[in-house]
Amino acid sequence: MSWHLGPMTAFDLETTGPDPDTARIVTATVVRIHGAEVTSREWLVDPGIEIPAEASDIHGVTTERARAEGCAPALAASEILGTLVGAWSFGPVVIYNASYDLTVLDRELRRHCGAHLGEVGPVVDPFVIDKHLDKYRKGKRTLTACCEHYQVTLGGAHDATQDALAAGRLAWRLAQVYPEQLGDLSKVNALQAAWRAEWAVNFTDYLRRQGSDEVVDGDWPLRPYREPAMA
């Protein structure tokens, strides 16, 4: 039986910013989907810093609410890691743009727990899959846009639980659309890593032609950790 026909786990974070090396977790969800049965574990976190207004405008959590109701980031990071490790013992975890969410989690573990993410189990990343297997489609590749394209329900964008559910549904749909490429779970991680690296090279070349010297990161599903430069 193909992986997408059995129970599925999905993971999503909402954070303080777009840079995974510095972003702090604000909300997180790990959701288990088994047919119509859905169970989830959710975290609201006090990130220990001010949540920028532009981030609050996206996910709806203010600094005041996080401080009043959120748990400590060390507790959240360790519990999220334990939940994911448990999920990987059963199968893949679906994460939309995995290299962002997993890198944020790794940095939070390093920052607060003196630990790191360690070995990553099988990941299904609809963001990487869609970009490679339908690379010439015009338009945005956000979760919202991809859900619209594949006619997948997204209950509320930038809500960690709804985003995780939508990512799981999207992975299920992609496995139906591309069974030859995605049917063998033992090869999916290696394929996605290669697809992400290929995209990064091509996009970096494009930026060079536009006069930019930016280097696009191609690591997947986790960006390597680099010690901060000494002042």
C-alpha atoms as a PDB file:
ATOM      1  CA  MET A   1       0.000   0.000   0.000  1.00  0.00           C
ATOM      2  CA  SER A   2       1.343   3.422  -0.950  1.00  0.00           C
ATOM      3  CA  TRP A   3       2.223   5.746   1.947  1.00  0.00           C
ATOM      4  CA  HIS A   4      -0.558   8.212   1.118  1.00  0.00           C
ATOM      5  CA  LEU A   5      -3.293   5.604   1.573  1.00  0.00           C
ATOM      6  CA  GLY A   6      -2.470   5.013   5.245  1.00  0.00           C
ATOM      7  CA  PRO A   7      -2.353   7.297   8.295  1.00  0.00           C
ATOM      8  CA  MET A   8      -0.548  10.550   7.564  1.00  0.00           C
ATOM      9  CA  THR A   9       1.235  13.052   9.821  1.00  0.00           C
ATOM     10  CA  ALA A  10       1.681  16.732   8.951  1.00  0.00           C
ATOM     11  CA  PHE A  11       3.622  19.511  10.682  1.00  0.00           C
ATOM     12  CA  ASP A  12       3.499  23.300  10.496  1.00  0.00           C
ATOM     13  CA  LEU A  13       4.943  26.309  12.316  1.00  0.00           C
ATOM     14  CA  GLU A  14       4.022  29.965  12.542  1.00  0.00           C
ATOM     15  CA  THR A  15       6.926  32.142  13.595  1.00  0.00           C
ATOM     16  CA  THR A  16       8.319  35.620  14.184  1.00  0.00           C
ATOM     17  CA  GLY A  17       9.930  36.084  10.777  1.00  0.00           C
ATOM     18  CA  PRO A  18      11.090  34.704   7.421  1.00  0.00           C
ATOM     19  CA  ASP A  19      14.737  33.882   8.238  1.00  0.00           C
ATOM     20  CA  PRO A  20      14.829  30.319   9.639  1.00  0.00           C
ATOM     21  CA  ASP A  21      18.143  30.930  11.410  1.00  0.00           C
ATOM     22  CA  THR A  22      16.681  33.708  13.561  1.00  0.00           C
ATOM     23  CA  ALA A  23      12.902  33.076  13.550  1.00  0.00           C
ATOM     24  CA  ARG A  24      11.267  31.959  16.796  1.00  0.00           C
ATOM     25  CA  ILE A  25       8.322  29.583  17.070  1.00  0.00           C
ATOM     26  CA  VAL A  26       4.974  31.198  17.944  1.00  0.00           C
ATOM     27  CA  THR A  27       2.551  28.377  17.152  1.00  0.00           C
ATOM     28  CA  ALA A  28       3.048  24.784  16.044  1.00  0.00           C
ATOM     29  CA  THR A  29       0.882  21.825  15.136  1.00  0.00           C
ATOM     30  CA  VAL A  30       1.529  18.162  14.504  1.00  0.00           C
ATOM     31  CA  VAL A  31      -1.615  16.601  13.076  1.00  0.00           C
ATOM     32  CA  ARG A  32      -2.402  12.942  12.450  1.00  0.00           C
ATOM     33  CA  ILE A  33      -4.830  12.207   9.627  1.00  0.00           C
ATOM     34  CA  HIS A  34      -6.398   8.758   9.249  1.00  0.00           C
ATOM     35  CA  GLY A  35      -9.303   8.930   6.824  1.00  0.00           C
ATOM     36  CA  ALA A  36     -11.923  11.187   8.369  1.00  0.00           C
ATOM     37  CA  GLU A  37     -10.299  10.936  11.813  1.00  0.00           C
ATOM     38  CA  VAL A  38      -8.024  13.857  12.668  1.00  0.00           C
ATOM     39  CA  THR A  39      -6.076  14.305  15.895  1.00  0.00           C
ATOM     40  CA  SER A  40      -3.678  17.133  16.564  1.00  0.00           C
ATOM     41  CA  ARG A  41      -1.251  18.447  19.122  1.00  0.00           C
ATOM     42  CA  GLU A  42      -0.851  22.197  19.208  1.00  0.00           C
ATOM     43  CA  TRP A  43       1.521  24.622  20.899  1.00  0.00           C
ATOM     44  CA  LEU A  44       1.275  28.348  21.596  1.00  0.00           C
ATOM     45  CA  VAL A  45       4.737  29.609  22.497  1.00  0.00           C
ATOM     46  CA  ASP A  46       6.120  32.687  24.188  1.00  0.00           C
ATOM     47  CA  PRO A  47       9.119  33.226  21.882  1.00  0.00           C
ATOM     48  CA  GLY A  48      10.955  35.385  24.415  1.00  0.00           C
ATOM     49  CA  ILE A  49      11.159  38.329  22.023  1.00  0.00           C
ATOM     50  CA  GLU A  50       8.711  40.841  20.614  1.00  0.00           C
ATOM     51  CA  ILE A  51       6.621  39.400  17.809  1.00  0.00           C
ATOM     52  CA  PRO A  52       6.898  41.884  14.923  1.00  0.00           C
ATOM     53  CA  ALA A  53       3.632  43.466  13.849  1.00  0.00           C
ATOM     54  CA  GLU A  54       4.052  42.124  10.323  1.00  0.00           C
ATOM     55  CA  ALA A  55       4.232  38.574  11.725  1.00  0.00           C
ATOM     56  CA  SER A  56       1.241  39.102  14.034  1.00  0.00           C
ATOM     57  CA  ASP A  57      -0.722  40.441  11.083  1.00  0.00           C
ATOM     58  CA  ILE A  58      -0.148  37.123   9.313  1.00  0.00           C
ATOM     59  CA  HIS A  59      -0.827  34.556  12.044  1.00  0.00           C
ATOM     60  CA  GLY A  60      -2.835  36.653  14.500  1.00  0.00           C
ATOM     61  CA  VAL A  61      -0.749  36.083  17.641  1.00  0.00           C
ATOM     62  CA  THR A  62       0.460  39.190  19.428  1.00  0.00           C
ATOM     63  CA  THR A  63       3.349  39.513  21.858  1.00  0.00           C
ATOM     64  CA  GLU A  64       0.875  40.153  24.674  1.00  0.00           C
ATOM     65  CA  ARG A  65      -1.086  36.968  24.004  1.00  0.00           C
ATOM     66  CA  ALA A  66       2.045  34.857  23.603  1.00  0.00           C
ATOM     67  CA  ARG A  67       3.412  36.105  26.933  1.00  0.00           C
ATOM     68  CA  ALA A  68       0.118  35.553  28.719  1.00  0.00           C
ATOM     69  CA  GLU A  69      -0.796  32.140  27.293  1.00  0.00           C
ATOM     70  CA  GLY A  70       2.300  30.653  25.676  1.00  0.00           C
ATOM     71  CA  CYS A  71       4.598  27.965  26.994  1.00  0.00           C
ATOM     72  CA  ALA A  72       8.367  28.263  27.228  1.00  0.00           C
ATOM     73  CA  PRO A  73      10.206  27.791  23.922  1.00  0.00           C
ATOM     74  CA  ALA A  74      12.484  25.101  25.370  1.00  0.00           C
ATOM     75  CA  LEU A  75       9.470  23.027  26.415  1.00  0.00           C
ATOM     76  CA  ALA A  76       7.745  23.505  23.061  1.00  0.00           C
ATOM     77  CA  ALA A  77      10.832  22.656  20.992  1.00  0.00           C
ATOM     78  CA  SER A  78      11.569  19.487  22.953  1.00  0.00           C
ATOM     79  CA  GLU A  79       7.938  18.339  22.830  1.00  0.00           C
ATOM     80  CA  ILE A  80       7.666  19.038  19.098  1.00  0.00           C
ATOM     81  CA  LEU A  81      10.848  17.046  18.474  1.00  0.00           C
ATOM     82  CA  GLY A  82       9.560  14.110  20.507  1.00  0.00           C
ATOM     83  CA  THR A  83       6.249  14.167  18.661  1.00  0.00           C
ATOM     84  CA  LEU A  84       7.958  14.194  15.259  1.00  0.00           C
ATOM     85  CA  VAL A  85      10.327  11.376  16.200  1.00  0.00           C
ATOM     86  CA  GLY A  86       7.304   9.330  17.226  1.00  0.00           C
ATOM     87  CA  ALA A  87       5.564  10.158  13.949  1.00  0.00           C
ATOM     88  CA  TRP A  88       8.613   9.130  11.902  1.00  0.00           C
ATOM     89  CA  SER A  89       8.504   5.690  13.470  1.00  0.00           C
ATOM     90  CA  PHE A  90       5.215   5.147  11.597  1.00  0.00           C
ATOM     91  CA  GLY A  91       5.866   6.870   8.259  1.00  0.00           C
ATOM     92  CA  PRO A  92       6.535  10.183   6.528  1.00  0.00           C
ATOM     93  CA  VAL A  93       5.768  13.625   7.888  1.00  0.00           C
ATOM     94  CA  VAL A  94       4.269  16.120   5.442  1.00  0.00           C
ATOM     95  CA  ILE A  95       5.787  19.607   5.722  1.00  0.00           C
ATOM     96  CA  TYR A  96       5.144  22.387   3.228  1.00  0.00           C
ATOM     97  CA  ASN A  97       8.526  24.062   2.599  1.00  0.00           C
ATOM     98  CA  ALA A  98      10.225  21.686   5.006  1.00  0.00           C
ATOM     99  CA  SER A  99      13.622  23.359   4.898  1.00  0.00           C
ATOM    100  CA  TYR A 100      12.092  26.389   6.619  1.00  0.00           C
ATOM    101  CA  ASP A 101      10.113  24.638   9.382  1.00  0.00           C
ATOM    102  CA  LEU A 102      12.735  22.021  10.202  1.00  0.00           C
ATOM    103  CA  THR A 103      15.533  24.597  10.237  1.00  0.00           C
ATOM    104  CA  VAL A 104      13.532  26.825  12.599  1.00  0.00           C
ATOM    105  CA  LEU A 105      12.974  23.851  14.908  1.00  0.00           C
ATOM    106  CA  ASP A 106      16.657  22.890  14.792  1.00  0.00           C
ATOM    107  CA  ARG A 107      17.756  26.429  15.675  1.00  0.00           C
ATOM    108  CA  GLU A 108      15.250  26.632  18.523  1.00  0.00           C
ATOM    109  CA  LEU A 109      16.572  23.343  19.921  1.00  0.00           C
ATOM    110  CA  ARG A 110      20.116  24.700  19.738  1.00  0.00           C
ATOM    111  CA  ARG A 111      19.085  28.056  21.213  1.00  0.00           C
ATOM    112  CA  HIS A 112      17.068  26.791  24.151  1.00  0.00           C
ATOM    113  CA  CYS A 113      17.833  23.105  24.735  1.00  0.00           C
ATOM    114  CA  GLY A 114      21.501  22.571  23.878  1.00  0.00           C
ATOM    115  CA  ALA A 115      20.332  19.981  21.361  1.00  0.00           C
ATOM    116  CA  HIS A 116      19.669  19.747  17.634  1.00  0.00           C
ATOM    117  CA  LEU A 117      17.242  18.064  15.284  1.00  0.00           C
ATOM    118  CA  GLY A 118      19.464  15.108  14.465  1.00  0.00           C
ATOM    119  CA  GLU A 119      18.517  12.586  11.808  1.00  0.00           C
ATOM    120  CA  VAL A 120      15.413  13.556   9.874  1.00  0.00           C
ATOM    121  CA  GLY A 121      12.981  10.796   8.922  1.00  0.00           C
ATOM    122  CA  PRO A 122      11.043  10.618   5.652  1.00  0.00           C
ATOM    123  CA  VAL A 123       9.520  13.953   4.654  1.00  0.00           C
ATOM    124  CA  VAL A 124       6.982  14.715   1.946  1.00  0.00           C
ATOM    125  CA  ASP A 125       7.240  18.371   0.907  1.00  0.00           C
ATOM    126  CA  PRO A 126       4.470  19.453  -1.491  1.00  0.00           C
ATOM    127  CA  PHE A 127       6.284  22.749  -2.092  1.00  0.00           C
ATOM    128  CA  VAL A 128       9.363  21.039  -3.535  1.00  0.00           C
ATOM    129  CA  ILE A 129       7.354  18.370  -5.350  1.00  0.00           C
ATOM    130  CA  ASP A 130       5.039  20.835  -7.074  1.00  0.00           C
ATOM    131  CA  LYS A 131       7.896  23.153  -8.070  1.00  0.00           C
ATOM    132  CA  HIS A 132       9.722  20.311  -9.806  1.00  0.00           C
ATOM    133  CA  LEU A 133       6.935  18.255 -11.322  1.00  0.00           C
ATOM    134  CA  ASP A 134       4.957  21.252 -12.596  1.00  0.00           C
ATOM    135  CA  LYS A 135       7.871  23.644 -12.958  1.00  0.00           C
ATOM    136  CA  TYR A 136       6.536  25.668 -15.887  1.00  0.00           C
ATOM    137  CA  ARG A 137       3.209  26.623 -14.314  1.00  0.00           C
ATOM    138  CA  LYS A 138       2.976  30.371 -13.852  1.00  0.00           C
ATOM    139  CA  GLY A 139       1.892  32.027 -10.646  1.00  0.00           C
ATOM    140  CA  LYS A 140       2.677  31.814  -6.956  1.00  0.00           C
ATOM    141  CA  ARG A 141       3.673  28.600  -5.189  1.00  0.00           C
ATOM    142  CA  THR A 142       2.335  29.488  -1.756  1.00  0.00           C
ATOM    143  CA  LEU A 143       0.319  26.901   0.141  1.00  0.00           C
ATOM    144  CA  THR A 144      -2.835  28.861  -0.656  1.00  0.00           C
ATOM    145  CA  ALA A 145      -2.052  28.999  -4.377  1.00  0.00           C
ATOM    146  CA  CYS A 146      -1.152  25.302  -4.575  1.00  0.00           C
ATOM    147  CA  CYS A 147      -4.292  24.287  -2.711  1.00  0.00           C
ATOM    148  CA  GLU A 148      -6.341  26.308  -5.175  1.00  0.00           C
ATOM    149  CA  HIS A 149      -4.554  24.745  -8.151  1.00  0.00           C
ATOM    150  CA  TYR A 150      -5.020  21.162  -6.933  1.00  0.00           C
ATOM    151  CA  GLN A 151      -8.515  21.874  -5.551  1.00  0.00           C
ATOM    152  CA  VAL A 152      -7.558  21.083  -1.959  1.00  0.00           C
ATOM    153  CA  THR A 153      -9.396  22.595   1.005  1.00  0.00           C
ATOM    154  CA  LEU A 154      -7.466  25.130   3.112  1.00  0.00           C
ATOM    155  CA  GLY A 155      -9.522  26.086   6.141  1.00  0.00           C
ATOM    156  CA  GLY A 156      -7.573  29.194   7.148  1.00  0.00           C
ATOM    157  CA  ALA A 157      -4.177  30.231   5.803  1.00  0.00           C
ATOM    158  CA  HIS A 158      -1.416  30.969   8.356  1.00  0.00           C
ATOM    159  CA  ASP A 159      -3.115  28.995  11.097  1.00  0.00           C
ATOM    160  CA  ALA A 160      -0.663  26.206  11.956  1.00  0.00           C
ATOM    161  CA  THR A 161      -3.358  23.547  12.348  1.00  0.00           C
ATOM    162  CA  GLN A 162      -5.212  24.445   9.168  1.00  0.00           C
ATOM    163  CA  ASP A 163      -1.958  24.751   7.203  1.00  0.00           C
ATOM    164  CA  ALA A 164      -0.806  21.334   8.409  1.00  0.00           C
ATOM    165  CA  LEU A 165      -4.134  19.760   7.450  1.00  0.00           C
ATOM    166  CA  ALA A 166      -4.010  21.389   4.026  1.00  0.00           C
ATOM    167  CA  ALA A 167      -0.430  20.223   3.466  1.00  0.00           C
ATOM    168  CA  GLY A 168      -1.494  16.661   4.267  1.00  0.00           C
ATOM    169  CA  ARG A 169      -4.403  16.847   1.848  1.00  0.00           C
ATOM    170  CA  LEU A 170      -2.108  18.351  -0.797  1.00  0.00           C
ATOM    171  CA  ALA A 171       0.439  15.554  -0.361  1.00  0.00           C
ATOM    172  CA  TRP A 172      -2.344  13.006  -0.793  1.00  0.00           C
ATOM    173  CA  ARG A 173      -3.463  14.708  -4.003  1.00  0.00           C
ATOM    174  CA  LEU A 174       0.065  14.946  -5.398  1.00  0.00           C
ATOM    175  CA  ALA A 175       0.632  11.247  -4.744  1.00  0.00           C
ATOM    176  CA  GLN A 176      -2.445  10.563  -6.859  1.00  0.00           C
ATOM    177  CA  VAL A 177      -1.355  12.916  -9.649  1.00  0.00           C
ATOM    178  CA  TYR A 178       2.276  11.688  -9.743  1.00  0.00           C
ATOM    179  CA  PRO A 179       2.204   8.011  -8.631  1.00  0.00           C
ATOM    180  CA  GLU A 180       5.314   7.015 -10.597  1.00  0.00           C
ATOM    181  CA  GLN A 181       7.504   9.689  -9.036  1.00  0.00           C
ATOM    182  CA  LEU A 182       6.101   9.543  -5.500  1.00  0.00           C
ATOM    183  CA  GLY A 183       5.027   5.941  -5.039  1.00  0.00           C
ATOM    184  CA  ASP A 184       8.296   4.618  -3.565  1.00  0.00           C
ATOM    185  CA  LEU A 185       8.758   6.217  -0.149  1.00  0.00           C
ATOM    186  CA  SER A 186      12.333   4.926   0.146  1.00  0.00           C
ATOM    187  CA  LYS A 187      13.324   7.188  -2.744  1.00  0.00           C
ATOM    188  CA  VAL A 188      11.195  10.257  -2.023  1.00  0.00           C
ATOM    189  CA  ASN A 189      13.647  12.037   0.296  1.00  0.00           C
ATOM    190  CA  ALA A 190      16.551  11.651  -2.126  1.00  0.00           C
ATOM    191  CA  LEU A 191      14.425  12.818  -5.041  1.00  0.00           C
ATOM    192  CA  GLN A 192      13.213  15.907  -3.217  1.00  0.00           C
ATOM    193  CA  ALA A 193      16.740  16.815  -2.088  1.00  0.00           C
ATOM    194  CA  ALA A 194      17.927  16.570  -5.700  1.00  0.00           C
ATOM    195  CA  TRP A 195      14.950  18.568  -6.985  1.00  0.00           C
ATOM    196  CA  ARG A 196      15.511  21.327  -4.432  1.00  0.00           C
ATOM    197  CA  ALA A 197      19.230  21.526  -5.263  1.00  0.00           C
ATOM    198  CA  GLU A 198      18.484  21.681  -9.000  1.00  0.00           C
ATOM    199  CA  TRP A 199      15.950  24.477  -8.465  1.00  0.00           C
ATOM    200  CA  ALA A 200      18.434  26.462  -6.356  1.00  0.00           C
ATOM    201  CA  VAL A 201      21.127  26.259  -9.045  1.00  0.00           C
ATOM    202  CA  ASN A 202      18.718  27.314 -11.772  1.00  0.00           C
ATOM    203  CA  PHE A 203      17.272  30.173  -9.727  1.00  0.00           C
ATOM    204  CA  THR A 204      20.743  31.395  -8.751  1.00  0.00           C
ATOM    205  CA  ASP A 205      21.678  31.440 -12.449  1.00  0.00           C
ATOM    206  CA  TYR A 206      18.531  33.431 -13.176  1.00  0.00           C
ATOM    207  CA  LEU A 207      19.425  35.973 -10.494  1.00  0.00           C
ATOM    208  CA  ARG A 208      22.915  36.314 -11.978  1.00  0.00           C
ATOM    209  CA  ARG A 209      21.361  37.212 -15.314  1.00  0.00           C
ATOM    210  CA  GLN A 210      19.314  39.852 -13.506  1.00  0.00           C
ATOM    211  CA  GLY A 211      22.466  41.362 -11.992  1.00  0.00           C
ATOM    212  CA  SER A 212      22.082  39.912  -8.472  1.00  0.00           C
ATOM    213  CA  ASP A 213      24.868  38.121  -6.612  1.00  0.00           C
ATOM    214  CA  GLU A 214      22.462  36.362  -4.224  1.00  0.00           C
ATOM    215  CA  VAL A 215      23.112  32.646  -3.740  1.00  0.00           C
ATOM    216  CA  VAL A 216      19.901  30.634  -3.285  1.00  0.00           C
ATOM    217  CA  ASP A 217      20.045  27.973  -0.607  1.00  0.00           C
ATOM    218  CA  GLY A 218      19.502  24.474  -1.998  1.00  0.00           C
ATOM    219  CA  ASP A 219      19.764  22.372   1.152  1.00  0.00           C
ATOM    220  CA  TRP A 220      16.791  20.160   1.975  1.00  0.00           C
ATOM    221  CA  PRO A 221      15.110  19.157   4.257  1.00  0.00           C
ATOM    222  CA  LEU A 222      17.354  20.959   6.772  1.00  0.00           C
ATOM    223  CA  ARG A 223      19.779  23.794   6.272  1.00  0.00           C
ATOM    224  CA  PRO A 224      23.206  23.084   7.797  1.00  0.00           C
ATOM    225  CA  TYR A 225      24.004  24.966  10.971  1.00  0.00           C
ATOM    226  CA  ARG A 226      26.786  27.499  10.841  1.00  0.00           C
ATOM    227  CA  GLU A 227      28.285  29.027  13.957  1.00  0.00           C
ATOM    228  CA  PRO A 228      27.519  32.759  14.209  1.00  0.00           C
ATOM    229  CA  ALA A 229      30.427  34.979  13.191  1.00  0.00           C
ATOM    230  CA  MET A 230      32.353  36.436  16.110  1.00  0.00           C
ATOM    231  CA  ALA A 231      31.907  40.182  16.620  1.00  0.00           C
END
